[in-house]
Full PDB file with SEQRES, HELIX, SHEET, SSBOND, CRYST1, ORIGX, SCALE, CONECT and MASTER records, all heavy atoms in Angstrom:
SEQRES   1 A   40  ALA ASN ASP THR ILE ALA GLU GLU ILE ARG ASN LEU MET          
SEQRES   2 A   40  SER ASN ILE GLU VAL ARG GLY ASN LEU THR ASP THR LEU          
SEQRES   3 A   40  LEU ALA GLY SER LEU ALA LYS ALA LEU CYS TYR ILE ASN          
SEQRES   4 A   40  ARG                                                          
HELIX    1 AA1 ASN A    2  ASN A   15  1                                  14    
HELIX    2 AA2 LEU A   27  ASN A   39  1                                  13    
CRYST1    1.000    1.000    1.000  90.00  90.00  90.00 P 1           1          
ORIGX1      1.000000  0.000000  0.000000        0.00000                         
ORIGX2      0.000000  1.000000  0.000000        0.00000                         
ORIGX3      0.000000  0.000000  1.000000        0.00000                         
SCALE1      1.000000  0.000000  0.000000        0.00000                         
SCALE2      0.000000  1.000000  0.000000        0.00000                         
SCALE3      0.000000  0.000000  1.000000        0.00000                         
ATOM      1  N   ALA A   1     -34.081  -0.139   4.836  1.00  0.00           N  
ATOM      2  CA  ALA A   1     -32.676   0.012   5.219  1.00  0.00           C  
ATOM      3  C   ALA A   1     -32.415   1.398   5.791  1.00  0.00           C  
ATOM      4  O   ALA A   1     -31.739   1.541   6.823  1.00  0.00           O  
ATOM      5  CB  ALA A   1     -31.783  -0.247   4.007  1.00  0.00           C  
ATOM      6  N   ASN A   2     -32.948   2.427   5.159  1.00  0.00           N  
ATOM      7  CA  ASN A   2     -32.739   3.794   5.638  1.00  0.00           C  
ATOM      8  C   ASN A   2     -33.336   3.995   7.032  1.00  0.00           C  
ATOM      9  O   ASN A   2     -32.700   4.580   7.918  1.00  0.00           O  
ATOM     10  CB  ASN A   2     -33.350   4.792   4.662  1.00  0.00           C  
ATOM     11  CG  ASN A   2     -32.693   4.738   3.293  1.00  0.00           C  
ATOM     12  OD1 ASN A   2     -31.657   4.100   3.118  1.00  0.00           O  
ATOM     13  ND2 ASN A   2     -33.302   5.392   2.320  1.00  0.00           N  
ATOM     14  N   ASP A   3     -34.566   3.516   7.221  1.00  0.00           N  
ATOM     15  CA  ASP A   3     -35.210   3.687   8.523  1.00  0.00           C  
ATOM     16  C   ASP A   3     -34.488   2.889   9.610  1.00  0.00           C  
ATOM     17  O   ASP A   3     -34.359   3.352  10.753  1.00  0.00           O  
ATOM     18  CB  ASP A   3     -36.680   3.243   8.441  1.00  0.00           C  
ATOM     19  CG  ASP A   3     -37.494   4.128   7.507  1.00  0.00           C  
ATOM     20  OD1 ASP A   3     -37.053   5.265   7.236  1.00  0.00           O  
ATOM     21  OD2 ASP A   3     -38.557   3.674   7.034  1.00  0.00           O  
ATOM     22  N   THR A   4     -34.012   1.705   9.260  1.00  0.00           N  
ATOM     23  CA  THR A   4     -33.321   0.868  10.245  1.00  0.00           C  
ATOM     24  C   THR A   4     -32.013   1.501  10.673  1.00  0.00           C  
ATOM     25  O   THR A   4     -31.687   1.552  11.871  1.00  0.00           O  
ATOM     26  CB  THR A   4     -33.057  -0.529   9.658  1.00  0.00           C  
ATOM     27  OG1 THR A   4     -34.295  -1.125   9.266  1.00  0.00           O  
ATOM     28  CG2 THR A   4     -32.375  -1.417  10.679  1.00  0.00           C  
ATOM     29  N   ILE A   5     -31.235   2.000   9.706  1.00  0.00           N  
ATOM     30  CA  ILE A   5     -29.955   2.636  10.036  1.00  0.00           C  
ATOM     31  C   ILE A   5     -30.173   3.873  10.902  1.00  0.00           C  
ATOM     32  O   ILE A   5     -29.467   4.089  11.895  1.00  0.00           O  
ATOM     33  CB  ILE A   5     -29.197   2.990   8.741  1.00  0.00           C  
ATOM     34  CG1 ILE A   5     -28.778   1.715   8.002  1.00  0.00           C  
ATOM     35  CG2 ILE A   5     -27.974   3.852   9.049  1.00  0.00           C  
ATOM     36  CD1 ILE A   5     -28.152   1.966   6.643  1.00  0.00           C  
ATOM     37  N   ALA A   6     -31.161   4.691  10.563  1.00  0.00           N  
ATOM     38  CA  ALA A   6     -31.430   5.902  11.334  1.00  0.00           C  
ATOM     39  C   ALA A   6     -31.848   5.568  12.764  1.00  0.00           C  
ATOM     40  O   ALA A   6     -31.405   6.210  13.730  1.00  0.00           O  
ATOM     41  CB  ALA A   6     -32.513   6.729  10.639  1.00  0.00           C  
ATOM     42  N   GLU A   7     -32.689   4.546  12.918  1.00  0.00           N  
ATOM     43  CA  GLU A   7     -33.160   4.188  14.258  1.00  0.00           C  
ATOM     44  C   GLU A   7     -32.043   3.592  15.101  1.00  0.00           C  
ATOM     45  O   GLU A   7     -31.891   3.918  16.287  1.00  0.00           O  
ATOM     46  CB  GLU A   7     -34.319   3.194  14.142  1.00  0.00           C  
ATOM     47  CG  GLU A   7     -34.893   2.765  15.484  1.00  0.00           C  
ATOM     48  CD  GLU A   7     -36.018   1.752  15.329  1.00  0.00           C  
ATOM     49  OE1 GLU A   7     -36.375   1.422  14.170  1.00  0.00           O  
ATOM     50  OE2 GLU A   7     -36.528   1.293  16.369  1.00  0.00           O  
ATOM     51  N   GLU A   8     -31.227   2.724  14.492  1.00  0.00           N  
ATOM     52  CA  GLU A   8     -30.160   2.058  15.239  1.00  0.00           C  
ATOM     53  C   GLU A   8     -29.078   3.047  15.667  1.00  0.00           C  
ATOM     54  O   GLU A   8     -28.574   2.968  16.793  1.00  0.00           O  
ATOM     55  CB  GLU A   8     -29.548   0.941  14.385  1.00  0.00           C  
ATOM     56  CG  GLU A   8     -30.461  -0.247  14.158  1.00  0.00           C  
ATOM     57  CD  GLU A   8     -30.764  -0.999  15.436  1.00  0.00           C  
ATOM     58  OE1 GLU A   8     -29.891  -1.017  16.325  1.00  0.00           O  
ATOM     59  OE2 GLU A   8     -31.866  -1.566  15.548  1.00  0.00           O  
ATOM     60  N   ILE A   9     -28.693   3.983  14.797  1.00  0.00           N  
ATOM     61  CA  ILE A   9     -27.650   4.938  15.171  1.00  0.00           C  
ATOM     62  C   ILE A   9     -28.166   5.899  16.235  1.00  0.00           C  
ATOM     63  O   ILE A   9     -27.414   6.328  17.125  1.00  0.00           O  
ATOM     64  CB  ILE A   9     -27.139   5.699  13.929  1.00  0.00           C  
ATOM     65  CG1 ILE A   9     -25.858   6.473  14.271  1.00  0.00           C  
ATOM     66  CG2 ILE A   9     -28.192   6.620  13.367  1.00  0.00           C  
ATOM     67  CD1 ILE A   9     -24.694   5.633  14.681  1.00  0.00           C  
ATOM     68  N   ARG A  10     -29.454   6.200  16.196  1.00  0.00           N  
ATOM     69  CA  ARG A  10     -30.034   7.064  17.224  1.00  0.00           C  
ATOM     70  C   ARG A  10     -29.992   6.371  18.590  1.00  0.00           C  
ATOM     71  O   ARG A  10     -29.608   6.988  19.598  1.00  0.00           O  
ATOM     72  CB  ARG A  10     -31.476   7.417  16.840  1.00  0.00           C  
ATOM     73  CG  ARG A  10     -32.085   8.528  17.688  1.00  0.00           C  
ATOM     74  CD  ARG A  10     -33.536   8.775  17.303  1.00  0.00           C  
ATOM     75  NE  ARG A  10     -33.683   9.056  15.879  1.00  0.00           N  
ATOM     76  CZ  ARG A  10     -34.276   8.265  15.003  1.00  0.00           C  
ATOM     77  NH1 ARG A  10     -34.799   7.117  15.399  1.00  0.00           N  
ATOM     78  NH2 ARG A  10     -34.371   8.602  13.728  1.00  0.00           N  
ATOM     79  N   ASN A  11     -30.340   5.113  18.615  1.00  0.00           N  
ATOM     80  CA  ASN A  11     -30.298   4.373  19.876  1.00  0.00           C  
ATOM     81  C   ASN A  11     -28.865   4.167  20.362  1.00  0.00           C  
ATOM     82  O   ASN A  11     -28.591   4.238  21.570  1.00  0.00           O  
ATOM     83  CB  ASN A  11     -30.990   3.022  19.713  1.00  0.00           C  
ATOM     84  CG  ASN A  11     -32.464   3.150  19.388  1.00  0.00           C  
ATOM     85  OD1 ASN A  11     -33.098   4.157  19.725  1.00  0.00           O  
ATOM     86  ND2 ASN A  11     -33.022   2.150  18.736  1.00  0.00           N  
ATOM     87  N   LEU A  12     -27.961   3.927  19.424  1.00  0.00           N  
ATOM     88  CA  LEU A  12     -26.571   3.674  19.805  1.00  0.00           C  
ATOM     89  C   LEU A  12     -25.931   4.907  20.419  1.00  0.00           C  
ATOM     90  O   LEU A  12     -25.308   4.838  21.483  1.00  0.00           O  
ATOM     91  CB  LEU A  12     -25.784   3.213  18.575  1.00  0.00           C  
ATOM     92  CG  LEU A  12     -24.281   3.022  18.774  1.00  0.00           C  
ATOM     93  CD1 LEU A  12     -24.014   1.889  19.761  1.00  0.00           C  
ATOM     94  CD2 LEU A  12     -23.592   2.740  17.440  1.00  0.00           C  
ATOM     95  N   MET A  13     -26.057   6.055  19.747  1.00  0.00           N  
ATOM     96  CA  MET A  13     -25.395   7.267  20.226  1.00  0.00           C  
ATOM     97  C   MET A  13     -25.982   7.756  21.554  1.00  0.00           C  
ATOM     98  O   MET A  13     -25.283   8.389  22.349  1.00  0.00           O  
ATOM     99  CB  MET A  13     -25.499   8.371  19.173  1.00  0.00           C  
ATOM    100  CG  MET A  13     -24.833   8.022  17.847  1.00  0.00           C  
ATOM    101  SD  MET A  13     -23.096   7.531  18.020  1.00  0.00           S  
ATOM    102  CE  MET A  13     -22.356   9.081  18.491  1.00  0.00           C  
ATOM    103  N   SER A  14     -27.247   7.458  21.805  1.00  0.00           N  
ATOM    104  CA  SER A  14     -27.850   7.877  23.073  1.00  0.00           C  
ATOM    105  C   SER A  14     -27.417   7.005  24.240  1.00  0.00           C  
ATOM    106  O   SER A  14     -27.545   7.414  25.409  1.00  0.00           O  
ATOM    107  CB  SER A  14     -29.372   7.859  22.955  1.00  0.00           C  
ATOM    108  OG  SER A  14     -29.835   6.545  22.671  1.00  0.00           O  
ATOM    109  N   ASN A  15     -26.879   5.815  23.954  1.00  0.00           N  
ATOM    110  CA  ASN A  15     -26.486   4.894  25.019  1.00  0.00           C  
ATOM    111  C   ASN A  15     -24.981   4.817  25.232  1.00  0.00           C  
ATOM    112  O   ASN A  15     -24.529   4.143  26.166  1.00  0.00           O  
ATOM    113  CB  ASN A  15     -27.012   3.484  24.716  1.00  0.00           C  
ATOM    114  CG  ASN A  15     -28.530   3.416  24.729  1.00  0.00           C  
ATOM    115  OD1 ASN A  15     -29.177   4.124  25.500  1.00  0.00           O  
ATOM    116  ND2 ASN A  15     -29.103   2.571  23.884  1.00  0.00           N  
ATOM    117  N   ILE A  16     -24.187   5.461  24.384  1.00  0.00           N  
ATOM    118  CA  ILE A  16     -22.731   5.415  24.533  1.00  0.00           C  
ATOM    119  C   ILE A  16     -22.309   6.301  25.698  1.00  0.00           C  
ATOM    120  O   ILE A  16     -22.708   7.456  25.802  1.00  0.00           O  
ATOM    121  CB  ILE A  16     -22.022   5.869  23.239  1.00  0.00           C  
ATOM    122  CG1 ILE A  16     -22.233   4.844  22.125  1.00  0.00           C  
ATOM    123  CG2 ILE A  16     -20.523   6.035  23.483  1.00  0.00           C  
ATOM    124  CD1 ILE A  16     -21.539   5.211  20.834  1.00  0.00           C  
ATOM    125  N   GLU A  17     -21.474   5.743  26.578  1.00  0.00           N  
ATOM    126  CA  GLU A  17     -20.913   6.498  27.690  1.00  0.00           C  
ATOM    127  C   GLU A  17     -19.396   6.391  27.628  1.00  0.00           C  
ATOM    128  O   GLU A  17     -18.838   5.299  27.663  1.00  0.00           O  
ATOM    129  CB  GLU A  17     -21.412   5.944  29.033  1.00  0.00           C  
ATOM    130  CG  GLU A  17     -22.920   6.085  29.248  1.00  0.00           C  
ATOM    131  CD  GLU A  17     -23.353   5.526  30.591  1.00  0.00           C  
ATOM    132  OE1 GLU A  17     -22.465   5.043  31.323  1.00  0.00           O  
ATOM    133  OE2 GLU A  17     -24.559   5.551  30.876  1.00  0.00           O  
ATOM    134  N   VAL A  18     -18.738   7.531  27.495  1.00  0.00           N  
ATOM    135  CA  VAL A  18     -17.280   7.548  27.425  1.00  0.00           C  
ATOM    136  C   VAL A  18     -16.732   7.379  28.835  1.00  0.00           C  
ATOM    137  O   VAL A  18     -17.045   8.157  29.738  1.00  0.00           O  
ATOM    138  CB  VAL A  18     -16.774   8.864  26.800  1.00  0.00           C  
ATOM    139  CG1 VAL A  18     -15.252   8.861  26.739  1.00  0.00           C  
ATOM    140  CG2 VAL A  18     -17.368   9.047  25.416  1.00  0.00           C  
ATOM    141  N   ARG A  19     -15.901   6.353  29.023  1.00  0.00           N  
ATOM    142  CA  ARG A  19     -15.384   6.032  30.350  1.00  0.00           C  
ATOM    143  C   ARG A  19     -13.867   6.198  30.363  1.00  0.00           C  
ATOM    144  O   ARG A  19     -13.156   5.559  29.597  1.00  0.00           O  
ATOM    145  CB  ARG A  19     -15.741   4.597  30.725  1.00  0.00           C  
ATOM    146  CG  ARG A  19     -17.229   4.293  30.692  1.00  0.00           C  
ATOM    147  CD  ARG A  19     -17.487   2.810  30.841  1.00  0.00           C  
ATOM    148  NE  ARG A  19     -18.909   2.497  30.720  1.00  0.00           N  
ATOM    149  CZ  ARG A  19     -19.385   1.258  30.640  1.00  0.00           C  
ATOM    150  NH1 ARG A  19     -18.553   0.226  30.674  1.00  0.00           N  
ATOM    151  NH2 ARG A  19     -20.681   1.050  30.526  1.00  0.00           N  
ATOM    152  N   GLY A  20     -13.389   7.063  31.245  1.00  0.00           N  
ATOM    153  CA  GLY A  20     -11.955   7.222  31.449  1.00  0.00           C  
ATOM    154  C   GLY A  20     -11.221   7.620  30.184  1.00  0.00           C  
ATOM    155  O   GLY A  20     -11.642   8.511  29.442  1.00  0.00           O  
ATOM    156  N   ASN A  21     -10.106   6.906  29.955  1.00  0.00           N  
ATOM    157  CA  ASN A  21      -9.254   7.209  28.806  1.00  0.00           C  
ATOM    158  C   ASN A  21      -9.538   6.304  27.610  1.00  0.00           C  
ATOM    159  O   ASN A  21      -8.763   6.293  26.649  1.00  0.00           O  
ATOM    160  CB  ASN A  21      -7.773   7.068  29.201  1.00  0.00           C  
ATOM    161  CG  ASN A  21      -7.386   8.072  30.276  1.00  0.00           C  
ATOM    162  OD1 ASN A  21      -7.880   9.190  30.286  1.00  0.00           O  
ATOM    163  ND2 ASN A  21      -6.499   7.658  31.183  1.00  0.00           N  
ATOM    164  N   LEU A  22     -10.613   5.526  27.651  1.00  0.00           N  
ATOM    165  CA  LEU A  22     -10.941   4.621  26.552  1.00  0.00           C  
ATOM    166  C   LEU A  22     -11.639   5.412  25.450  1.00  0.00           C  
ATOM    167  O   LEU A  22     -12.857   5.413  25.320  1.00  0.00           O  
ATOM    168  CB  LEU A  22     -11.819   3.472  27.045  1.00  0.00           C  
ATOM    169  CG  LEU A  22     -11.225   2.605  28.162  1.00  0.00           C  
ATOM    170  CD1 LEU A  22     -12.226   1.556  28.614  1.00  0.00           C  
ATOM    171  CD2 LEU A  22      -9.931   1.952  27.679  1.00  0.00           C  
ATOM    172  N   THR A  23     -10.832   6.115  24.665  1.00  0.00           N  
ATOM    173  CA  THR A  23     -11.383   6.987  23.629  1.00  0.00           C  
ATOM    174  C   THR A  23     -11.031   6.535  22.222  1.00  0.00           C  
ATOM    175  O   THR A  23     -11.468   7.162  21.253  1.00  0.00           O  
ATOM    176  CB  THR A  23     -10.880   8.423  23.829  1.00  0.00           C  
ATOM    177  OG1 THR A  23      -9.436   8.435  23.774  1.00  0.00           O  
ATOM    178  CG2 THR A  23     -11.334   8.973  25.169  1.00  0.00           C  
ATOM    179  N   ASP A  24     -10.237   5.475  22.067  1.00  0.00           N  
ATOM    180  CA  ASP A  24      -9.851   5.000  20.740  1.00  0.00           C  
ATOM    181  C   ASP A  24     -10.991   4.192  20.118  1.00  0.00           C  
ATOM    182  O   ASP A  24     -11.675   3.427  20.801  1.00  0.00           O  
ATOM    183  CB  ASP A  24      -8.590   4.133  20.813  1.00  0.00           C  
ATOM    184  CG  ASP A  24      -7.372   4.924  21.271  1.00  0.00           C  
ATOM    185  OD1 ASP A  24      -7.323   6.131  20.963  1.00  0.00           O  
ATOM    186  OD2 ASP A  24      -6.503   4.348  21.941  1.00  0.00           O  
ATOM    187  N   THR A  25     -11.159   4.352  18.811  1.00  0.00           N  
ATOM    188  CA  THR A  25     -12.162   3.573  18.089  1.00  0.00           C  
ATOM    189  C   THR A  25     -11.688   2.138  17.936  1.00  0.00           C  
ATOM    190  O   THR A  25     -10.579   1.893  17.455  1.00  0.00           O  
ATOM    191  CB  THR A  25     -12.420   4.184  16.710  1.00  0.00           C  
ATOM    192  OG1 THR A  25     -12.825   5.540  16.865  1.00  0.00           O  
ATOM    193  CG2 THR A  25     -13.508   3.418  15.976  1.00  0.00           C  
ATOM    194  N   LEU A  26     -12.504   1.188  18.324  1.00  0.00           N  
ATOM    195  CA  LEU A  26     -12.141  -0.236  18.244  1.00  0.00           C  
ATOM    196  C   LEU A  26     -12.424  -0.758  16.842  1.00  0.00           C  
ATOM    197  O   LEU A  26     -13.304  -1.593  16.617  1.00  0.00           O  
ATOM    198  CB  LEU A  26     -12.911  -1.023  19.301  1.00  0.00           C  
ATOM    199  CG  LEU A  26     -12.714  -0.551  20.746  1.00  0.00           C  
ATOM    200  CD1 LEU A  26     -13.543  -1.389  21.706  1.00  0.00           C  
ATOM    201  CD2 LEU A  26     -11.248  -0.592  21.131  1.00  0.00           C  
ATOM    202  N   LEU A  27     -11.648  -0.253  15.890  1.00  0.00           N  
ATOM    203  CA  LEU A  27     -11.908  -0.554  14.487  1.00  0.00           C  
ATOM    204  C   LEU A  27     -11.513  -1.979  14.116  1.00  0.00           C  
ATOM    205  O   LEU A  27     -12.158  -2.603  13.269  1.00  0.00           O  
ATOM    206  CB  LEU A  27     -11.157   0.446  13.611  1.00  0.00           C  
ATOM    207  CG  LEU A  27     -11.633   0.625  12.178  1.00  0.00           C  
ATOM    208  CD1 LEU A  27     -13.110   1.010  12.143  1.00  0.00           C  
ATOM    209  CD2 LEU A  27     -10.799   1.681  11.469  1.00  0.00           C  
ATOM    210  N   ALA A  28     -10.462  -2.495  14.739  1.00  0.00           N  
ATOM    211  CA  ALA A  28     -10.045  -3.861  14.425  1.00  0.00           C  
ATOM    212  C   ALA A  28     -11.128  -4.866  14.792  1.00  0.00           C  
ATOM    213  O   ALA A  28     -11.383  -5.829  14.057  1.00  0.00           O  
ATOM    214  CB  ALA A  28      -8.738  -4.195  15.148  1.00  0.00           C  
ATOM    215  N   GLY A  29     -11.792  -4.651  15.925  1.00  0.00           N  
ATOM    216  CA  GLY A  29     -12.884  -5.544  16.303  1.00  0.00           C  
ATOM    217  C   GLY A  29     -14.063  -5.451  15.356  1.00  0.00           C  
ATOM    218  O   GLY A  29     -14.731  -6.460  15.083  1.00  0.00           O  
ATOM    219  N   SER A  30     -14.330  -4.256  14.837  1.00  0.00           N  
ATOM    220  CA  SER A  30     -15.414  -4.100  13.868  1.00  0.00           C  
ATOM    221  C   SER A  30     -15.083  -4.823  12.561  1.00  0.00           C  
ATOM    222  O   SER A  30     -15.969  -5.427  11.940  1.00  0.00           O  
ATOM    223  CB  SER A  30     -15.663  -2.615  13.600  1.00  0.00           C  
ATOM    224  OG  SER A  30     -16.000  -1.940  14.798  1.00  0.00           O  
ATOM    225  N   LEU A  31     -13.825  -4.778  12.146  1.00  0.00           N  
ATOM    226  CA  LEU A  31     -13.425  -5.513  10.941  1.00  0.00           C  
ATOM    227  C   LEU A  31     -13.549  -7.019  11.161  1.00  0.00           C  
ATOM    228  O   LEU A  31     -13.959  -7.752  10.253  1.00  0.00           O  
ATOM    229  CB  LEU A  31     -11.990  -5.140  10.568  1.00  0.00           C  
ATOM    230  CG  LEU A  31     -11.776  -3.731  10.026  1.00  0.00           C  
ATOM    231  CD1 LEU A  31     -10.289  -3.426   9.872  1.00  0.00           C  
ATOM    232  CD2 LEU A  31     -12.472  -3.560   8.686  1.00  0.00           C  
ATOM    233  N   ALA A  32     -13.204  -7.474  12.351  1.00  0.00           N  
ATOM    234  CA  ALA A  32     -13.371  -8.898  12.655  1.00  0.00           C  
ATOM    235  C   ALA A  32     -14.840  -9.298  12.629  1.00  0.00           C  
ATOM    236  O   ALA A  32     -15.194 -10.381  12.135  1.00  0.00           O  
ATOM    237  CB  ALA A  32     -12.744  -9.208  14.018  1.00  0.00           C  
ATOM    238  N   LYS A  33     -15.703  -8.436  13.138  1.00  0.00           N  
ATOM    239  CA  LYS A  33     -17.144  -8.724  13.091  1.00  0.00           C  
ATOM    240  C   LYS A  33     -17.639  -8.762  11.649  1.00  0.00           C  
ATOM    241  O   LYS A  33     -18.499  -9.582  11.303  1.00  0.00           O  
ATOM    242  CB  LYS A  33     -17.907  -7.674  13.891  1.00  0.00           C  
ATOM    243  CG  LYS A  33     -19.416  -7.881  13.915  1.00  0.00           C  
ATOM    244  CD  LYS A  33     -20.106  -6.912  14.866  1.00  0.00           C  
ATOM    245  CE  LYS A  33     -19.879  -7.290  16.312  1.00  0.00           C  
ATOM    246  NZ  LYS A  33     -20.720  -6.489  17.237  1.00  0.00           N  
ATOM    247  N   ALA A  34     -17.103  -7.884  10.799  1.00  0.00           N  
ATOM    248  CA  ALA A  34     -17.474  -7.894   9.381  1.00  0.00           C  
ATOM    249  C   ALA A  34     -17.064  -9.204   8.716  1.00  0.00           C  
ATOM    250  O   ALA A  34     -17.825  -9.774   7.917  1.00  0.00           O  
ATOM    251  CB  ALA A  34     -16.843  -6.708   8.665  1.00  0.00           C  
ATOM    252  N   LEU A  35     -15.874  -9.704   9.048  1.00  0.00           N  
ATOM    253  CA  LEU A  35     -15.435 -10.984   8.478  1.00  0.00           C  
ATOM    254  C   LEU A  35     -16.324 -12.133   8.954  1.00  0.00           C  
ATOM    255  O   LEU A  35     -16.634 -13.051   8.182  1.00  0.00           O  
ATOM    256  CB  LEU A  35     -13.976 -11.247   8.863  1.00  0.00           C  
ATOM    257  CG  LEU A  35     -12.917 -10.345   8.220  1.00  0.00           C  
ATOM    258  CD1 LEU A  35     -11.532 -10.728   8.720  1.00  0.00           C  
ATOM    259  CD2 LEU A  35     -12.970 -10.432   6.701  1.00  0.00           C  
ATOM    260  N   CYS A  36     -16.722 -12.099  10.223  1.00  0.00           N  
ATOM    261  CA  CYS A  36     -17.612 -13.144  10.732  1.00  0.00           C  
ATOM    262  C   CYS A  36     -18.966 -13.107  10.021  1.00  0.00           C  
ATOM    263  O   CYS A  36     -19.547 -14.164   9.707  1.00  0.00           O  
ATOM    264  CB  CYS A  36     -17.797 -12.978  12.243  1.00  0.00           C  
ATOM    265  SG  CYS A  36     -16.310 -13.280  13.220  1.00  0.00           S  
ATOM    266  N   TYR A  37     -19.478 -11.910   9.765  1.00  0.00           N  
ATOM    267  CA  TYR A  37     -20.761 -11.795   9.069  1.00  0.00           C  
ATOM    268  C   TYR A  37     -20.641 -12.319   7.633  1.00  0.00           C  
ATOM    269  O   TYR A  37     -21.535 -13.009   7.139  1.00  0.00           O  
ATOM    270  CB  TYR A  37     -21.216 -10.347   9.068  1.00  0.00           C  
ATOM    271  CG  TYR A  37     -22.517 -10.125   8.332  1.00  0.00           C  
ATOM    272  CD1 TYR A  37     -23.740 -10.477   8.908  1.00  0.00           C  
ATOM    273  CD2 TYR A  37     -22.537  -9.584   7.045  1.00  0.00           C  
ATOM    274  CE1 TYR A  37     -24.933 -10.283   8.244  1.00  0.00           C  
ATOM    275  CE2 TYR A  37     -23.731  -9.388   6.371  1.00  0.00           C  
ATOM    276  CZ  TYR A  37     -24.921  -9.738   6.968  1.00  0.00           C  
ATOM    277  OH  TYR A  37     -26.108  -9.563   6.292  1.00  0.00           O  
ATOM    278  N   ILE A  38     -19.532 -11.987   6.966  1.00  0.00           N  
ATOM    279  CA  ILE A  38     -19.319 -12.483   5.605  1.00  0.00           C  
ATOM    280  C   ILE A  38     -19.258 -14.009   5.596  1.00  0.00           C  
ATOM    281  O   ILE A  38     -19.832 -14.669   4.718  1.00  0.00           O  
ATOM    282  CB  ILE A  38     -18.030 -11.872   5.027  1.00  0.00           C  
ATOM    283  CG1 ILE A  38     -18.225 -10.371   4.783  1.00  0.00           C  
ATOM    284  CG2 ILE A  38     -17.627 -12.568   3.733  1.00  0.00           C  
ATOM    285  CD1 ILE A  38     -16.948  -9.651   4.379  1.00  0.00           C  
ATOM    286  N   ASN A  39     -18.586 -14.576   6.579  1.00  0.00           N  
ATOM    287  CA  ASN A  39     -18.494 -16.031   6.663  1.00  0.00           C  
ATOM    288  C   ASN A  39     -19.861 -16.659   6.896  1.00  0.00           C  
ATOM    289  O   ASN A  39     -20.184 -17.713   6.333  1.00  0.00           O  
ATOM    290  CB  ASN A  39     -17.529 -16.410   7.785  1.00  0.00           C  
ATOM    291  CG  ASN A  39     -17.293 -17.900   7.866  1.00  0.00           C  
ATOM    292  OD1 ASN A  39     -16.798 -18.528   6.931  1.00  0.00           O  
ATOM    293  ND2 ASN A  39     -17.649 -18.490   8.994  1.00  0.00           N  
ATOM    294  N   ARG A  40     -20.703 -16.011   7.701  1.00  0.00           N  
ATOM    295  CA  ARG A  40     -22.050 -16.543   7.957  1.00  0.00           C  
ATOM    296  C   ARG A  40     -22.908 -16.493   6.702  1.00  0.00           C  
ATOM    297  O   ARG A  40     -23.641 -17.442   6.389  1.00  0.00           O  
ATOM    298  CB  ARG A  40     -22.718 -15.750   9.076  1.00  0.00           C  
ATOM    299  CG  ARG A  40     -23.962 -16.415   9.623  1.00  0.00           C  
ATOM    300  CD  ARG A  40     -24.660 -15.525  10.618  1.00  0.00           C  
ATOM    301  NE  ARG A  40     -25.431 -14.478   9.954  1.00  0.00           N  
ATOM    302  CZ  ARG A  40     -26.128 -13.556  10.606  1.00  0.00           C  
ATOM    303  NH1 ARG A  40     -26.128 -13.525  11.921  1.00  0.00           N  
ATOM    304  NH2 ARG A  40     -26.813 -12.647   9.944  1.00  0.00           N  
TER     305      ARG A  40                                                      
MASTER        0    0    0    2    0    0    0    6  304    1    0    4          
END                                                                             
């Protein structure tokens, strides 16, 4: 779990590109994804 989290966050942060004014965290969508995972 530790190695997976470290590798995934490293890949994620290196690929994020901030575009224009889209700077808000899409937290509601992440909560919806969490509910879908719980349901699965």
